[in-house]
Each structure stands twice: as structure tokens, then as C-alpha cells.
PDB file of N, CA and C in Angstrom:
ATOM      1  N   MET A   1       0.835  -1.176   0.000  1.00  0.00           N
ATOM      2  CA  MET A   1       0.000   0.000   0.000  1.00  0.00           C
ATOM      3  C   MET A   1       0.879   1.238   0.000  1.00  0.00           C
ATOM      4  N   ARG A   2       0.406   2.258  -0.681  1.00  0.00           N
ATOM      5  CA  ARG A   2       1.159   3.509  -0.774  1.00  0.00           C
ATOM      6  C   ARG A   2       0.299   4.636  -0.221  1.00  0.00           C
ATOM      7  N   THR A   3       0.911   5.497   0.583  1.00  0.00           N
ATOM      8  CA  THR A   3       0.231   6.648   1.147  1.00  0.00           C
ATOM      9  C   THR A   3       0.991   7.899   0.753  1.00  0.00           C
ATOM     10  N   GLU A   4       0.287   8.846   0.169  1.00  0.00           N
ATOM     11  CA  GLU A   4       0.882  10.119  -0.212  1.00  0.00           C
ATOM     12  C   GLU A   4       0.098  11.223   0.478  1.00  0.00           C
ATOM     13  N   ALA A   5       0.817  12.159   1.086  1.00  0.00           N
ATOM     14  CA  ALA A   5       0.159  13.260   1.781  1.00  0.00           C
ATOM     15  C   ALA A   5       0.612  14.574   1.179  1.00  0.00           C
ATOM     16  N   GLY A   6      -0.344  15.443   0.931  1.00  0.00           N
ATOM     17  CA  GLY A   6      -0.068  16.786   0.447  1.00  0.00           C
ATOM     18  C   GLY A   6      -0.486  17.785   1.509  1.00  0.00           C
ATOM     19  N   PRO A   7      -0.411  19.072   1.199  1.00  0.00           N
ATOM     20  CA  PRO A   7      -0.780  20.065   2.205  1.00  0.00           C
ATOM     21  C   PRO A   7      -2.252  20.004   2.610  1.00  0.00           C
ATOM     22  N   LYS A   8      -3.116  19.525   1.714  1.00  0.00           N
ATOM     23  CA  LYS A   8      -4.546  19.475   2.036  1.00  0.00           C
ATOM     24  C   LYS A   8      -5.196  18.173   1.623  1.00  0.00           C
ATOM     25  N   GLN A   9      -4.404  17.120   1.420  1.00  0.00           N
ATOM     26  CA  GLN A   9      -5.007  15.866   0.980  1.00  0.00           C
ATOM     27  C   GLN A   9      -4.205  14.671   1.464  1.00  0.00           C
ATOM     28  N   LEU A  10      -4.871  13.560   1.516  1.00  0.00           N
ATOM     29  CA  LEU A  10      -4.252  12.284   1.844  1.00  0.00           C
ATOM     30  C   LEU A  10      -4.721  11.296   0.792  1.00  0.00           C
ATOM     31  N   ARG A  11      -3.792  10.658   0.100  1.00  0.00           N
ATOM     32  CA  ARG A  11      -4.129   9.702  -0.948  1.00  0.00           C
ATOM     33  C   ARG A  11      -3.569   8.343  -0.552  1.00  0.00           C
ATOM     34  N   MET A  12      -4.431   7.343  -0.550  1.00  0.00           N
ATOM     35  CA  MET A  12      -4.031   5.977  -0.244  1.00  0.00           C
ATOM     36  C   MET A  12      -4.280   5.118  -1.467  1.00  0.00           C
ATOM     37  N   VAL A  13      -3.273   4.335  -1.840  1.00  0.00           N
ATOM     38  CA  VAL A  13      -3.368   3.465  -3.003  1.00  0.00           C
ATOM     39  C   VAL A  13      -3.041   2.060  -2.539  1.00  0.00           C
ATOM     40  N   GLY A  14      -3.945   1.134  -2.792  1.00  0.00           N
ATOM     41  CA  GLY A  14      -3.715  -0.248  -2.406  1.00  0.00           C
ATOM     42  C   GLY A  14      -4.995  -1.050  -2.527  1.00  0.00           C
ATOM     43  N   LYS A  15      -4.954  -2.236  -1.986  1.00  0.00           N
ATOM     44  CA  LYS A  15      -6.138  -3.092  -1.965  1.00  0.00           C
ATOM     45  C   LYS A  15      -7.153  -2.510  -0.983  1.00  0.00           C
ATOM     46  N   GLY A  16      -8.410  -2.844  -1.185  1.00  0.00           N
ATOM     47  CA  GLY A  16      -9.462  -2.324  -0.322  1.00  0.00           C
ATOM     48  C   GLY A  16      -9.251  -2.636   1.142  1.00  0.00           C
ATOM     49  N   TRP A  17      -8.835  -3.869   1.444  1.00  0.00           N
ATOM     50  CA  TRP A  17      -8.641  -4.249   2.845  1.00  0.00           C
ATOM     51  C   TRP A  17      -7.460  -3.498   3.455  1.00  0.00           C
ATOM     52  N   GLN A  18      -6.451  -3.155   2.645  1.00  0.00           N
ATOM     53  CA  GLN A  18      -5.309  -2.401   3.153  1.00  0.00           C
ATOM     54  C   GLN A  18      -5.715  -0.971   3.503  1.00  0.00           C
ATOM     55  N   ILE A  19      -6.536  -0.383   2.645  1.00  0.00           N
ATOM     56  CA  ILE A  19      -6.981   0.987   2.885  1.00  0.00           C
ATOM     57  C   ILE A  19      -7.895   1.040   4.098  1.00  0.00           C
ATOM     58  N   ARG A  20      -8.805   0.075   4.224  1.00  0.00           N
ATOM     59  CA  ARG A  20      -9.685   0.038   5.394  1.00  0.00           C
ATOM     60  C   ARG A  20      -8.881  -0.099   6.677  1.00  0.00           C
ATOM     61  N   ALA A  21      -7.856  -0.951   6.676  1.00  0.00           N
ATOM     62  CA  ALA A  21      -7.018  -1.133   7.868  1.00  0.00           C
ATOM     63  C   ALA A  21      -6.267   0.156   8.205  1.00  0.00           C
ATOM     64  N   ALA A  22      -5.757   0.841   7.189  1.00  0.00           N
ATOM     65  CA  ALA A  22      -5.046   2.095   7.429  1.00  0.00           C
ATOM     66  C   ALA A  22      -5.992   3.165   7.969  1.00  0.00           C
ATOM     67  N   LEU A  23      -7.210   3.227   7.435  1.00  0.00           N
ATOM     68  CA  LEU A  23      -8.185   4.200   7.928  1.00  0.00           C
ATOM     69  C   LEU A  23      -8.595   3.896   9.361  1.00  0.00           C
ATOM     70  N   ARG A  24      -8.712   2.618   9.693  1.00  0.00           N
ATOM     71  CA  ARG A  24      -9.028   2.256  11.084  1.00  0.00           C
ATOM     72  C   ARG A  24      -7.926   2.710  12.027  1.00  0.00           C
ATOM     73  N   SER A  25      -6.669   2.518  11.627  1.00  0.00           N
ATOM     74  CA  SER A  25      -5.569   2.926  12.500  1.00  0.00           C
ATOM     75  C   SER A  25      -5.514   4.451  12.625  1.00  0.00           C
ATOM     76  N   LEU A  26      -5.818   5.175  11.547  1.00  0.00           N
ATOM     77  CA  LEU A  26      -5.861   6.634  11.631  1.00  0.00           C
ATOM     78  C   LEU A  26      -7.026   7.104  12.502  1.00  0.00           C
ATOM     79  N   ALA A  27      -8.137   6.390  12.470  1.00  0.00           N
ATOM     80  CA  ALA A  27      -9.302   6.773  13.275  1.00  0.00           C
ATOM     81  C   ALA A  27      -9.017   6.627  14.765  1.00  0.00           C
ATOM     82  N   ARG A  28      -8.156   5.691  15.132  1.00  0.00           N
ATOM     83  CA  ARG A  28      -7.803   5.508  16.547  1.00  0.00           C
ATOM     84  C   ARG A  28      -6.812   6.554  17.036  1.00  0.00           C
ATOM     85  N   HIS A  29      -6.174   7.266  16.126  1.00  0.00           N
ATOM     86  CA  HIS A  29      -5.172   8.260  16.483  1.00  0.00           C
ATOM     87  C   HIS A  29      -5.858   9.507  17.029  1.00  0.00           C
ATOM     88  N   PRO A  30      -5.291  10.149  18.052  1.00  0.00           N
ATOM     89  CA  PRO A  30      -5.958  11.313  18.642  1.00  0.00           C
ATOM     90  C   PRO A  30      -5.921  12.573  17.775  1.00  0.00           C
ATOM     91  N   LEU A  31      -5.045  12.642  16.777  1.00  0.00           N
ATOM     92  CA  LEU A  31      -4.956  13.833  15.928  1.00  0.00           C
ATOM     93  C   LEU A  31      -6.061  13.846  14.875  1.00  0.00           C
ATOM     94  N   THR A  32      -6.484  15.056  14.508  1.00  0.00           N
ATOM     95  CA  THR A  32      -7.405  15.182  13.383  1.00  0.00           C
ATOM     96  C   THR A  32      -6.603  15.052  12.090  1.00  0.00           C
ATOM     97  N   LEU A  33      -7.298  14.874  10.982  1.00  0.00           N
ATOM     98  CA  LEU A  33      -6.616  14.752   9.694  1.00  0.00           C
ATOM     99  C   LEU A  33      -5.824  16.017   9.377  1.00  0.00           C
ATOM    100  N   GLU A  34      -6.385  17.172   9.673  1.00  0.00           N
ATOM    101  CA  GLU A  34      -5.689  18.434   9.412  1.00  0.00           C
ATOM    102  C   GLU A  34      -4.388  18.523  10.208  1.00  0.00           C
ATOM    103  N   GLU A  35      -4.432  18.172  11.496  1.00  0.00           N
ATOM    104  CA  GLU A  35      -3.225  18.199  12.329  1.00  0.00           C
ATOM    105  C   GLU A  35      -2.193  17.194  11.834  1.00  0.00           C
ATOM    106  N   TRP A  36      -2.656  16.010  11.445  1.00  0.00           N
ATOM    107  CA  TRP A  36      -1.750  14.971  10.958  1.00  0.00           C
ATOM    108  C   TRP A  36      -1.037  15.424   9.689  1.00  0.00           C
ATOM    109  N   LEU A  37      -1.792  16.040   8.750  1.00  0.00           N
ATOM    110  CA  LEU A  37      -1.200  16.521   7.503  1.00  0.00           C
ATOM    111  C   LEU A  37      -0.172  17.621   7.761  1.00  0.00           C
ATOM    112  N   LYS A  38      -0.460  18.518   8.714  1.00  0.00           N
ATOM    113  CA  LYS A  38       0.497  19.574   9.045  1.00  0.00           C
ATOM    114  C   LYS A  38       1.789  18.984   9.597  1.00  0.00           C
ATOM    115  N   ARG A  39       1.677  17.980  10.454  1.00  0.00           N
ATOM    116  CA  ARG A  39       2.876  17.342  11.006  1.00  0.00           C
ATOM    117  C   ARG A  39       3.657  16.605   9.931  1.00  0.00           C
ATOM    118  N   GLN A  40       2.971  15.979   8.992  1.00  0.00           N
ATOM    119  CA  GLN A  40       3.644  15.294   7.904  1.00  0.00           C
ATOM    120  C   GLN A  40       4.401  16.292   7.037  1.00  0.00           C
ATOM    121  N   GLN A  41       3.816  17.468   6.798  1.00  0.00           N
ATOM    122  CA  GLN A  41       4.479  18.491   5.999  1.00  0.00           C
ATOM    123  C   GLN A  41       5.734  18.999   6.701  1.00  0.00           C
ATOM    124  N   ARG A  42       5.661  19.167   8.025  1.00  0.00           N
ATOM    125  CA  ARG A  42       6.826  19.633   8.772  1.00  0.00           C
ATOM    126  C   ARG A  42       7.943  18.611   8.748  1.00  0.00           C
ATOM    127  N   GLY A  43       7.573  17.325   8.831  1.00  0.00           N
ATOM    128  CA  GLY A  43       8.571  16.274   8.884  1.00  0.00           C
ATOM    129  C   GLY A  43       9.055  15.819   7.526  1.00  0.00           C
ATOM    130  N   ARG A  44       8.385  16.257   6.459  1.00  0.00           N
ATOM    131  CA  ARG A  44       8.728  15.850   5.088  1.00  0.00           C
ATOM    132  C   ARG A  44       8.807  14.341   4.936  1.00  0.00           C
ATOM    133  N   MET A  45       7.814  13.658   5.481  1.00  0.00           N
ATOM    134  CA  MET A  45       7.756  12.206   5.385  1.00  0.00           C
ATOM    135  C   MET A  45       6.821  11.806   4.249  1.00  0.00           C
ATOM    136  N   ILE A  46       6.955  12.417   3.095  1.00  0.00           N
ATOM    137  CA  ILE A  46       6.020  12.219   2.002  1.00  0.00           C
ATOM    138  C   ILE A  46       6.770  11.731   0.783  1.00  0.00           C
ATOM    139  N   PRO A  47       6.412  10.743   0.040  1.00  0.00           N
ATOM    140  CA  PRO A  47       5.391   9.759   0.381  1.00  0.00           C
ATOM    141  C   PRO A  47       5.939   8.697   1.326  1.00  0.00           C
ATOM    142  N   THR A  48       5.068   8.034   2.013  1.00  0.00           N
ATOM    143  CA  THR A  48       5.480   6.946   2.891  1.00  0.00           C
ATOM    144  C   THR A  48       5.070   5.638   2.252  1.00  0.00           C
ATOM    145  N   ASN A  49       5.926   4.654   2.323  1.00  0.00           N
ATOM    146  CA  ASN A  49       5.574   3.348   1.768  1.00  0.00           C
ATOM    147  C   ASN A  49       5.841   2.239   2.776  1.00  0.00           C
ATOM    148  N   ARG A  50       6.033   2.607   4.027  1.00  0.00           N
ATOM    149  CA  ARG A  50       6.201   1.651   5.119  1.00  0.00           C
ATOM    150  C   ARG A  50       7.341   0.662   4.880  1.00  0.00           C
ATOM    151  N   GLY A  51       8.356   1.065   4.137  1.00  0.00           N
ATOM    152  CA  GLY A  51       9.538   0.247   3.960  1.00  0.00           C
ATOM    153  C   GLY A  51       9.366  -0.977   3.085  1.00  0.00           C
ATOM    154  N   ARG A  52       8.283  -1.059   2.368  1.00  0.00           N
ATOM    155  CA  ARG A  52       8.028  -2.256   1.559  1.00  0.00           C
ATOM    156  C   ARG A  52       8.842  -2.242   0.281  1.00  0.00           C
ATOM    157  N   ASN A  53       8.545  -1.322  -0.606  1.00  0.00           N
ATOM    158  CA  ASN A  53       9.224  -1.257  -1.887  1.00  0.00           C
ATOM    159  C   ASN A  53       9.714   0.177  -2.080  1.00  0.00           C
ATOM    160  N   PRO A  54      11.018   0.401  -2.102  1.00  0.00           N
ATOM    161  CA  PRO A  54      11.523   1.772  -2.184  1.00  0.00           C
ATOM    162  C   PRO A  54      11.259   2.452  -3.519  1.00  0.00           C
ATOM    163  N   TYR A  55      10.780   1.724  -4.525  1.00  0.00           N
ATOM    164  CA  TYR A  55      10.560   2.301  -5.837  1.00  0.00           C
ATOM    165  C   TYR A  55       9.139   2.790  -6.048  1.00  0.00           C
ATOM    166  N   PHE A  56       8.286   2.687  -5.040  1.00  0.00           N
ATOM    167  CA  PHE A  56       6.915   3.184  -5.159  1.00  0.00           C
ATOM    168  C   PHE A  56       6.745   4.428  -4.356  1.00  0.00           C
TER     169      PHE A  56
END
């Protein structure tokens, strides 16, 4: 699964079950989507691929 975050968007690419699992984990997080995106922009952790395939 691939996750890309922009200043005002979050894009997830993968199988349906992978996206649902990622959304569930984000829903348990105390930050709102806006706060999470701001922190991602500060940390420049975009895109994230969870260490699976460095070419995606």
C-alpha cells in the first residue's frame, strides 16, 4: 500500500482491505486529519511506503 500526503489531501493506493485497515488505524489516532497533515508536511515524510518497496 502507498500513502501520499499533500498540504490538504491524503491519498491511499492499495487493496481495499489495506486501505480500510489504514483508515481504522488513523481513526484511533488522537490527531485530526488536518493536524496529521500539518505534522507530515513539517517532517517531510512524504510519500510513505512503510519500507516495503523503495521504488513506489
